[in-house]
Amino acid sequence: HEPYELAEFWSRVIGHPVDPQAEPGDD
């Protein structure tokens, strides 16, 4: 599992956006 992908899942669940500076592969 990747932090960015899990953040995208939770973004869709609760409606809060992923930090726009975040990128796939970030720790």
PDB file of all heavy atoms in Angstrom:
ATOM      1  N   HIS A   1       0.831  -1.203   0.000  1.00  0.00           N
ATOM      2  CA  HIS A   1       0.000   0.000   0.000  1.00  0.00           C
ATOM      3  C   HIS A   1       0.863   1.249   0.000  1.00  0.00           C
ATOM      4  O   HIS A   1       1.906   1.301   0.632  1.00  0.00           O
ATOM      5  CB  HIS A   1      -0.950  -0.029   1.188  1.00  0.00           C
ATOM      6  CG  HIS A   1      -1.761  -1.274   1.230  1.00  0.00           C
ATOM      7  ND1 HIS A   1      -2.799  -1.516   0.360  1.00  0.00           N
ATOM      8  CD2 HIS A   1      -1.644  -2.386   1.977  1.00  0.00           C
ATOM      9  CE1 HIS A   1      -3.294  -2.699   0.593  1.00  0.00           C
ATOM     10  NE2 HIS A   1      -2.616  -3.262   1.572  1.00  0.00           N
ATOM     11  N   GLU A   2       0.410   2.244  -0.721  1.00  0.00           N
ATOM     12  CA  GLU A   2       1.129   3.503  -0.875  1.00  0.00           C
ATOM     13  C   GLU A   2       0.396   4.629  -0.154  1.00  0.00           C
ATOM     14  O   GLU A   2      -0.836   4.725  -0.253  1.00  0.00           O
ATOM     15  CB  GLU A   2       1.246   3.861  -2.357  1.00  0.00           C
ATOM     16  CG  GLU A   2       2.225   3.006  -3.117  1.00  0.00           C
ATOM     17  CD  GLU A   2       3.658   3.299  -2.710  1.00  0.00           C
ATOM     18  OE1 GLU A   2       4.005   4.477  -2.499  1.00  0.00           O
ATOM     19  OE2 GLU A   2       4.426   2.328  -2.583  1.00  0.00           O
ATOM     20  N   PRO A   3       1.118   5.494   0.562  1.00  0.00           N
ATOM     21  CA  PRO A   3       0.477   6.607   1.249  1.00  0.00           C
ATOM     22  C   PRO A   3      -0.399   7.463   0.333  1.00  0.00           C
ATOM     23  O   PRO A   3      -1.520   7.824   0.703  1.00  0.00           O
ATOM     24  CB  PRO A   3       1.660   7.417   1.799  1.00  0.00           C
ATOM     25  CG  PRO A   3       2.723   6.381   2.022  1.00  0.00           C
ATOM     26  CD  PRO A   3       2.556   5.429   0.860  1.00  0.00           C
ATOM     27  N   TYR A   4       0.081   7.751  -0.866  1.00  0.00           N
ATOM     28  CA  TYR A   4      -0.692   8.619  -1.770  1.00  0.00           C
ATOM     29  C   TYR A   4      -2.008   7.950  -2.173  1.00  0.00           C
ATOM     30  O   TYR A   4      -3.060   8.582  -2.174  1.00  0.00           O
ATOM     31  CB  TYR A   4       0.141   8.971  -3.001  1.00  0.00           C
ATOM     32  CG  TYR A   4      -0.489  10.051  -3.845  1.00  0.00           C
ATOM     33  CD1 TYR A   4      -0.245  11.390  -3.568  1.00  0.00           C
ATOM     34  CD2 TYR A   4      -1.343   9.743  -4.906  1.00  0.00           C
ATOM     35  CE1 TYR A   4      -0.822  12.401  -4.325  1.00  0.00           C
ATOM     36  CE2 TYR A   4      -1.918  10.747  -5.666  1.00  0.00           C
ATOM     37  CZ  TYR A   4      -1.660  12.072  -5.371  1.00  0.00           C
ATOM     38  OH  TYR A   4      -2.248  13.065  -6.114  1.00  0.00           O
ATOM     39  N   GLU A   5      -1.959   6.666  -2.500  1.00  0.00           N
ATOM     40  CA  GLU A   5      -3.171   5.955  -2.917  1.00  0.00           C
ATOM     41  C   GLU A   5      -4.173   5.854  -1.773  1.00  0.00           C
ATOM     42  O   GLU A   5      -5.375   6.019  -1.977  1.00  0.00           O
ATOM     43  CB  GLU A   5      -2.819   4.565  -3.434  1.00  0.00           C
ATOM     44  CG  GLU A   5      -2.050   4.603  -4.739  1.00  0.00           C
ATOM     45  CD  GLU A   5      -1.486   3.244  -5.126  1.00  0.00           C
ATOM     46  OE1 GLU A   5      -1.694   2.249  -4.405  1.00  0.00           O
ATOM     47  OE2 GLU A   5      -0.805   3.185  -6.168  1.00  0.00           O
ATOM     48  N   LEU A   6      -3.689   5.597  -0.556  1.00  0.00           N
ATOM     49  CA  LEU A   6      -4.591   5.515   0.585  1.00  0.00           C
ATOM     50  C   LEU A   6      -5.186   6.887   0.895  1.00  0.00           C
ATOM     51  O   LEU A   6      -6.364   7.003   1.235  1.00  0.00           O
ATOM     52  CB  LEU A   6      -3.855   4.951   1.802  1.00  0.00           C
ATOM     53  CG  LEU A   6      -4.729   4.329   2.871  1.00  0.00           C
ATOM     54  CD1 LEU A   6      -5.658   3.259   2.312  1.00  0.00           C
ATOM     55  CD2 LEU A   6      -3.875   3.759   3.980  1.00  0.00           C
ATOM     56  N   ALA A   7      -4.386   7.939   0.744  1.00  0.00           N
ATOM     57  CA  ALA A   7      -4.899   9.299   0.929  1.00  0.00           C
ATOM     58  C   ALA A   7      -5.996   9.607  -0.090  1.00  0.00           C
ATOM     59  O   ALA A   7      -7.010  10.222   0.250  1.00  0.00           O
ATOM     60  CB  ALA A   7      -3.766  10.314   0.821  1.00  0.00           C
ATOM     61  N   GLU A   8      -5.812   9.173  -1.328  1.00  0.00           N
ATOM     62  CA  GLU A   8      -6.856   9.392  -2.340  1.00  0.00           C
ATOM     63  C   GLU A   8      -8.146   8.670  -1.962  1.00  0.00           C
ATOM     64  O   GLU A   8      -9.233   9.217  -2.139  1.00  0.00           O
ATOM     65  CB  GLU A   8      -6.380   8.923  -3.713  1.00  0.00           C
ATOM     66  CG  GLU A   8      -5.364   9.837  -4.346  1.00  0.00           C
ATOM     67  CD  GLU A   8      -4.977   9.404  -5.743  1.00  0.00           C
ATOM     68  OE1 GLU A   8      -4.752   8.191  -5.966  1.00  0.00           O
ATOM     69  OE2 GLU A   8      -4.936  10.288  -6.614  1.00  0.00           O
ATOM     70  N   PHE A   9      -8.060   7.434  -1.461  1.00  0.00           N
ATOM     71  CA  PHE A   9      -9.244   6.707  -1.016  1.00  0.00           C
ATOM     72  C   PHE A   9      -9.968   7.505   0.067  1.00  0.00           C
ATOM     73  O   PHE A   9     -11.164   7.766  -0.029  1.00  0.00           O
ATOM     74  CB  PHE A   9      -8.862   5.312  -0.476  1.00  0.00           C
ATOM     75  CG  PHE A   9      -9.976   4.638   0.265  1.00  0.00           C
ATOM     76  CD1 PHE A   9     -10.973   3.960  -0.418  1.00  0.00           C
ATOM     77  CD2 PHE A   9     -10.047   4.692   1.650  1.00  0.00           C
ATOM     78  CE1 PHE A   9     -12.023   3.362   0.257  1.00  0.00           C
ATOM     79  CE2 PHE A   9     -11.089   4.089   2.340  1.00  0.00           C
ATOM     80  CZ  PHE A   9     -12.081   3.417   1.641  1.00  0.00           C
ATOM     81  N   TRP A  10      -9.244   7.906   1.110  1.00  0.00           N
ATOM     82  CA  TRP A  10      -9.870   8.628   2.215  1.00  0.00           C
ATOM     83  C   TRP A  10     -10.375  10.013   1.788  1.00  0.00           C
ATOM     84  O   TRP A  10     -11.365  10.507   2.321  1.00  0.00           O
ATOM     85  CB  TRP A  10      -8.908   8.715   3.398  1.00  0.00           C
ATOM     86  CG  TRP A  10      -8.947   7.438   4.176  1.00  0.00           C
ATOM     87  CD1 TRP A  10      -8.065   6.400   4.123  1.00  0.00           C
ATOM     88  CD2 TRP A  10      -9.969   7.046   5.089  1.00  0.00           C
ATOM     89  NE1 TRP A  10      -8.477   5.392   4.952  1.00  0.00           N
ATOM     90  CE2 TRP A  10      -9.632   5.755   5.563  1.00  0.00           C
ATOM     91  CE3 TRP A  10     -11.131   7.651   5.565  1.00  0.00           C
ATOM     92  CZ2 TRP A  10     -10.425   5.080   6.484  1.00  0.00           C
ATOM     93  CZ3 TRP A  10     -11.908   6.972   6.485  1.00  0.00           C
ATOM     94  CH2 TRP A  10     -11.556   5.702   6.928  1.00  0.00           C
ATOM     95  N   SER A  11      -9.722  10.624   0.824  1.00  0.00           N
ATOM     96  CA  SER A  11     -10.210  11.895   0.286  1.00  0.00           C
ATOM     97  C   SER A  11     -11.610  11.721  -0.291  1.00  0.00           C
ATOM     98  O   SER A  11     -12.497  12.558  -0.086  1.00  0.00           O
ATOM     99  CB  SER A  11      -9.245  12.411  -0.787  1.00  0.00           C
ATOM    100  OG  SER A  11      -9.759  13.571  -1.394  1.00  0.00           O
ATOM    101  N   ARG A  12     -11.826  10.618  -1.010  1.00  0.00           N
ATOM    102  CA  ARG A  12     -13.148  10.346  -1.587  1.00  0.00           C
ATOM    103  C   ARG A  12     -14.167  10.002  -0.497  1.00  0.00           C
ATOM    104  O   ARG A  12     -15.342  10.315  -0.638  1.00  0.00           O
ATOM    105  CB  ARG A  12     -13.056   9.239  -2.623  1.00  0.00           C
ATOM    106  CG  ARG A  12     -12.287   9.656  -3.879  1.00  0.00           C
ATOM    107  CD  ARG A  12     -12.330   8.627  -4.990  1.00  0.00           C
ATOM    108  NE  ARG A  12     -11.844   7.323  -4.623  1.00  0.00           N
ATOM    109  CZ  ARG A  12     -10.586   6.893  -4.749  1.00  0.00           C
ATOM    110  NH1 ARG A  12      -9.666   7.702  -5.231  1.00  0.00           N
ATOM    111  NH2 ARG A  12     -10.249   5.683  -4.393  1.00  0.00           N
ATOM    112  N   VAL A  13     -13.722   9.377   0.596  1.00  0.00           N
ATOM    113  CA  VAL A  13     -14.648   9.027   1.679  1.00  0.00           C
ATOM    114  C   VAL A  13     -15.115  10.263   2.427  1.00  0.00           C
ATOM    115  O   VAL A  13     -16.312  10.455   2.628  1.00  0.00           O
ATOM    116  CB  VAL A  13     -14.003   8.014   2.665  1.00  0.00           C
ATOM    117  CG1 VAL A  13     -14.865   7.826   3.914  1.00  0.00           C
ATOM    118  CG2 VAL A  13     -13.776   6.665   1.986  1.00  0.00           C
ATOM    119  N   ILE A  14     -14.170  11.127   2.863  1.00  0.00           N
ATOM    120  CA  ILE A  14     -14.561  12.247   3.724  1.00  0.00           C
ATOM    121  C   ILE A  14     -14.630  13.598   3.020  1.00  0.00           C
ATOM    122  O   ILE A  14     -15.044  14.584   3.624  1.00  0.00           O
ATOM    123  CB  ILE A  14     -13.653  12.346   4.967  1.00  0.00           C
ATOM    124  CG1 ILE A  14     -12.221  12.701   4.599  1.00  0.00           C
ATOM    125  CG2 ILE A  14     -13.717  11.064   5.792  1.00  0.00           C
ATOM    126  CD1 ILE A  14     -11.348  13.031   5.796  1.00  0.00           C
ATOM    127  N   GLY A  15     -14.202  13.660   1.747  1.00  0.00           N
ATOM    128  CA  GLY A  15     -14.339  14.905   1.000  1.00  0.00           C
ATOM    129  C   GLY A  15     -13.273  15.957   1.279  1.00  0.00           C
ATOM    130  O   GLY A  15     -13.436  17.104   0.883  1.00  0.00           O
ATOM    131  N   HIS A  16     -12.186  15.598   1.943  1.00  0.00           N
ATOM    132  CA  HIS A  16     -11.084  16.537   2.153  1.00  0.00           C
ATOM    133  C   HIS A  16     -10.035  16.282   1.077  1.00  0.00           C
ATOM    134  O   HIS A  16      -9.682  15.130   0.815  1.00  0.00           O
ATOM    135  CB  HIS A  16     -10.451  16.357   3.523  1.00  0.00           C
ATOM    136  CG  HIS A  16     -11.370  16.708   4.653  1.00  0.00           C
ATOM    137  ND1 HIS A  16     -10.983  16.608   5.963  1.00  0.00           N
ATOM    138  CD2 HIS A  16     -12.641  17.151   4.693  1.00  0.00           C
ATOM    139  CE1 HIS A  16     -11.966  16.977   6.744  1.00  0.00           C
ATOM    140  NE2 HIS A  16     -12.997  17.307   5.995  1.00  0.00           N
ATOM    141  N   PRO A  17      -9.509  17.330   0.456  1.00  0.00           N
ATOM    142  CA  PRO A  17      -8.556  17.124  -0.640  1.00  0.00           C
ATOM    143  C   PRO A  17      -7.175  16.679  -0.177  1.00  0.00           C
ATOM    144  O   PRO A  17      -6.731  17.007   0.929  1.00  0.00           O
ATOM    145  CB  PRO A  17      -8.486  18.505  -1.296  1.00  0.00           C
ATOM    146  CG  PRO A  17      -8.839  19.466  -0.211  1.00  0.00           C
ATOM    147  CD  PRO A  17      -9.822  18.745   0.680  1.00  0.00           C
ATOM    148  N   VAL A  18      -6.511  15.931  -1.043  1.00  0.00           N
ATOM    149  CA  VAL A  18      -5.111  15.583  -0.832  1.00  0.00           C
ATOM    150  C   VAL A  18      -4.289  16.858  -0.992  1.00  0.00           C
ATOM    151  O   VAL A  18      -4.569  17.683  -1.867  1.00  0.00           O
ATOM    152  CB  VAL A  18      -4.661  14.515  -1.859  1.00  0.00           C
ATOM    153  CG1 VAL A  18      -3.171  14.237  -1.754  1.00  0.00           C
ATOM    154  CG2 VAL A  18      -5.465  13.225  -1.694  1.00  0.00           C
ATOM    155  N   ASP A  19      -3.298  17.036  -0.131  1.00  0.00           N
ATOM    156  CA  ASP A  19      -2.401  18.188  -0.228  1.00  0.00           C
ATOM    157  C   ASP A  19      -1.921  18.312  -1.671  1.00  0.00           C
ATOM    158  O   ASP A  19      -1.363  17.359  -2.227  1.00  0.00           O
ATOM    159  CB  ASP A  19      -1.220  17.982   0.715  1.00  0.00           C
ATOM    160  CG  ASP A  19      -0.201  19.111   0.694  1.00  0.00           C
ATOM    161  OD1 ASP A  19      -0.193  19.929  -0.247  1.00  0.00           O
ATOM    162  OD2 ASP A  19       0.614  19.169   1.614  1.00  0.00           O
ATOM    163  N   PRO A  20      -2.119  19.461  -2.311  1.00  0.00           N
ATOM    164  CA  PRO A  20      -1.749  19.603  -3.714  1.00  0.00           C
ATOM    165  C   PRO A  20      -0.248  19.451  -3.982  1.00  0.00           C
ATOM    166  O   PRO A  20       0.154  19.213  -5.113  1.00  0.00           O
ATOM    167  CB  PRO A  20      -2.241  20.999  -4.097  1.00  0.00           C
ATOM    168  CG  PRO A  20      -2.478  21.714  -2.824  1.00  0.00           C
ATOM    169  CD  PRO A  20      -2.724  20.677  -1.770  1.00  0.00           C
ATOM    170  N   GLN A  21       0.586  19.562  -2.953  1.00  0.00           N
ATOM    171  CA  GLN A  21       2.024  19.371  -3.139  1.00  0.00           C
ATOM    172  C   GLN A  21       2.442  17.904  -3.031  1.00  0.00           C
ATOM    173  O   GLN A  21       3.571  17.558  -3.335  1.00  0.00           O
ATOM    174  CB  GLN A  21       2.799  20.216  -2.140  1.00  0.00           C
ATOM    175  CG  GLN A  21       2.584  21.696  -2.358  1.00  0.00           C
ATOM    176  CD  GLN A  21       3.349  22.542  -1.361  1.00  0.00           C
ATOM    177  OE1 GLN A  21       4.018  22.044  -0.467  1.00  0.00           O
ATOM    178  NE2 GLN A  21       3.255  23.846  -1.518  1.00  0.00           N
ATOM    179  N   ALA A  22       1.522  17.039  -2.613  1.00  0.00           N
ATOM    180  CA  ALA A  22       1.837  15.609  -2.477  1.00  0.00           C
ATOM    181  C   ALA A  22       1.885  14.951  -3.851  1.00  0.00           C
ATOM    182  O   ALA A  22       1.191  15.371  -4.784  1.00  0.00           O
ATOM    183  CB  ALA A  22       0.784  14.927  -1.618  1.00  0.00           C
ATOM    184  N   GLU A  23       2.711  13.916  -3.943  1.00  0.00           N
ATOM    185  CA  GLU A  23       2.857  13.186  -5.205  1.00  0.00           C
ATOM    186  C   GLU A  23       2.911  11.690  -4.937  1.00  0.00           C
ATOM    187  O   GLU A  23       3.335  11.267  -3.855  1.00  0.00           O
ATOM    188  CB  GLU A  23       4.153  13.604  -5.910  1.00  0.00           C
ATOM    189  CG  GLU A  23       4.199  15.054  -6.309  1.00  0.00           C
ATOM    190  CD  GLU A  23       5.514  15.410  -6.981  1.00  0.00           C
ATOM    191  OE1 GLU A  23       6.434  14.565  -7.035  1.00  0.00           O
ATOM    192  OE2 GLU A  23       5.619  16.551  -7.457  1.00  0.00           O
ATOM    193  N   PRO A  24       2.510  10.873  -5.918  1.00  0.00           N
ATOM    194  CA  PRO A  24       2.683   9.431  -5.767  1.00  0.00           C
ATOM    195  C   PRO A  24       4.144   9.123  -5.451  1.00  0.00           C
ATOM    196  O   PRO A  24       5.055   9.757  -5.979  1.00  0.00           O
ATOM    197  CB  PRO A  24       2.276   8.880  -7.135  1.00  0.00           C
ATOM    198  CG  PRO A  24       1.314   9.901  -7.672  1.00  0.00           C
ATOM    199  CD  PRO A  24       1.854  11.224  -7.188  1.00  0.00           C
ATOM    200  N   GLY A  25       4.364   8.188  -4.538  1.00  0.00           N
ATOM    201  CA  GLY A  25       5.712   7.826  -4.131  1.00  0.00           C
ATOM    202  C   GLY A  25       6.188   8.545  -2.880  1.00  0.00           C
ATOM    203  O   GLY A  25       7.200   8.151  -2.286  1.00  0.00           O
ATOM    204  N   ASP A  26       5.488   9.610  -2.448  1.00  0.00           N
ATOM    205  CA  ASP A  26       5.876  10.320  -1.226  1.00  0.00           C
ATOM    206  C   ASP A  26       5.732   9.397  -0.019  1.00  0.00           C
ATOM    207  O   ASP A  26       4.828   8.561   0.034  1.00  0.00           O
ATOM    208  CB  ASP A  26       4.995  11.556  -1.001  1.00  0.00           C
ATOM    209  CG  ASP A  26       5.341  12.716  -1.917  1.00  0.00           C
ATOM    210  OD1 ASP A  26       6.362  12.632  -2.643  1.00  0.00           O
ATOM    211  OD2 ASP A  26       4.586  13.715  -1.911  1.00  0.00           O
ATOM    212  N   ASP A  27       6.596   9.567   0.969  1.00  0.00           N
ATOM    213  CA  ASP A  27       6.537   8.773   2.195  1.00  0.00           C
ATOM    214  C   ASP A  27       5.472   9.270   3.164  1.00  0.00           C
ATOM    215  O   ASP A  27       5.031   8.526   4.033  1.00  0.00           O
ATOM    216  CB  ASP A  27       7.890   8.772   2.903  1.00  0.00           C
ATOM    217  CG  ASP A  27       8.932   7.952   2.166  1.00  0.00           C
ATOM    218  OD1 ASP A  27       8.555   7.024   1.414  1.00  0.00           O
ATOM    219  OD2 ASP A  27      10.123   8.239   2.348  1.00  0.00           O
TER     220      ASP A  27
END
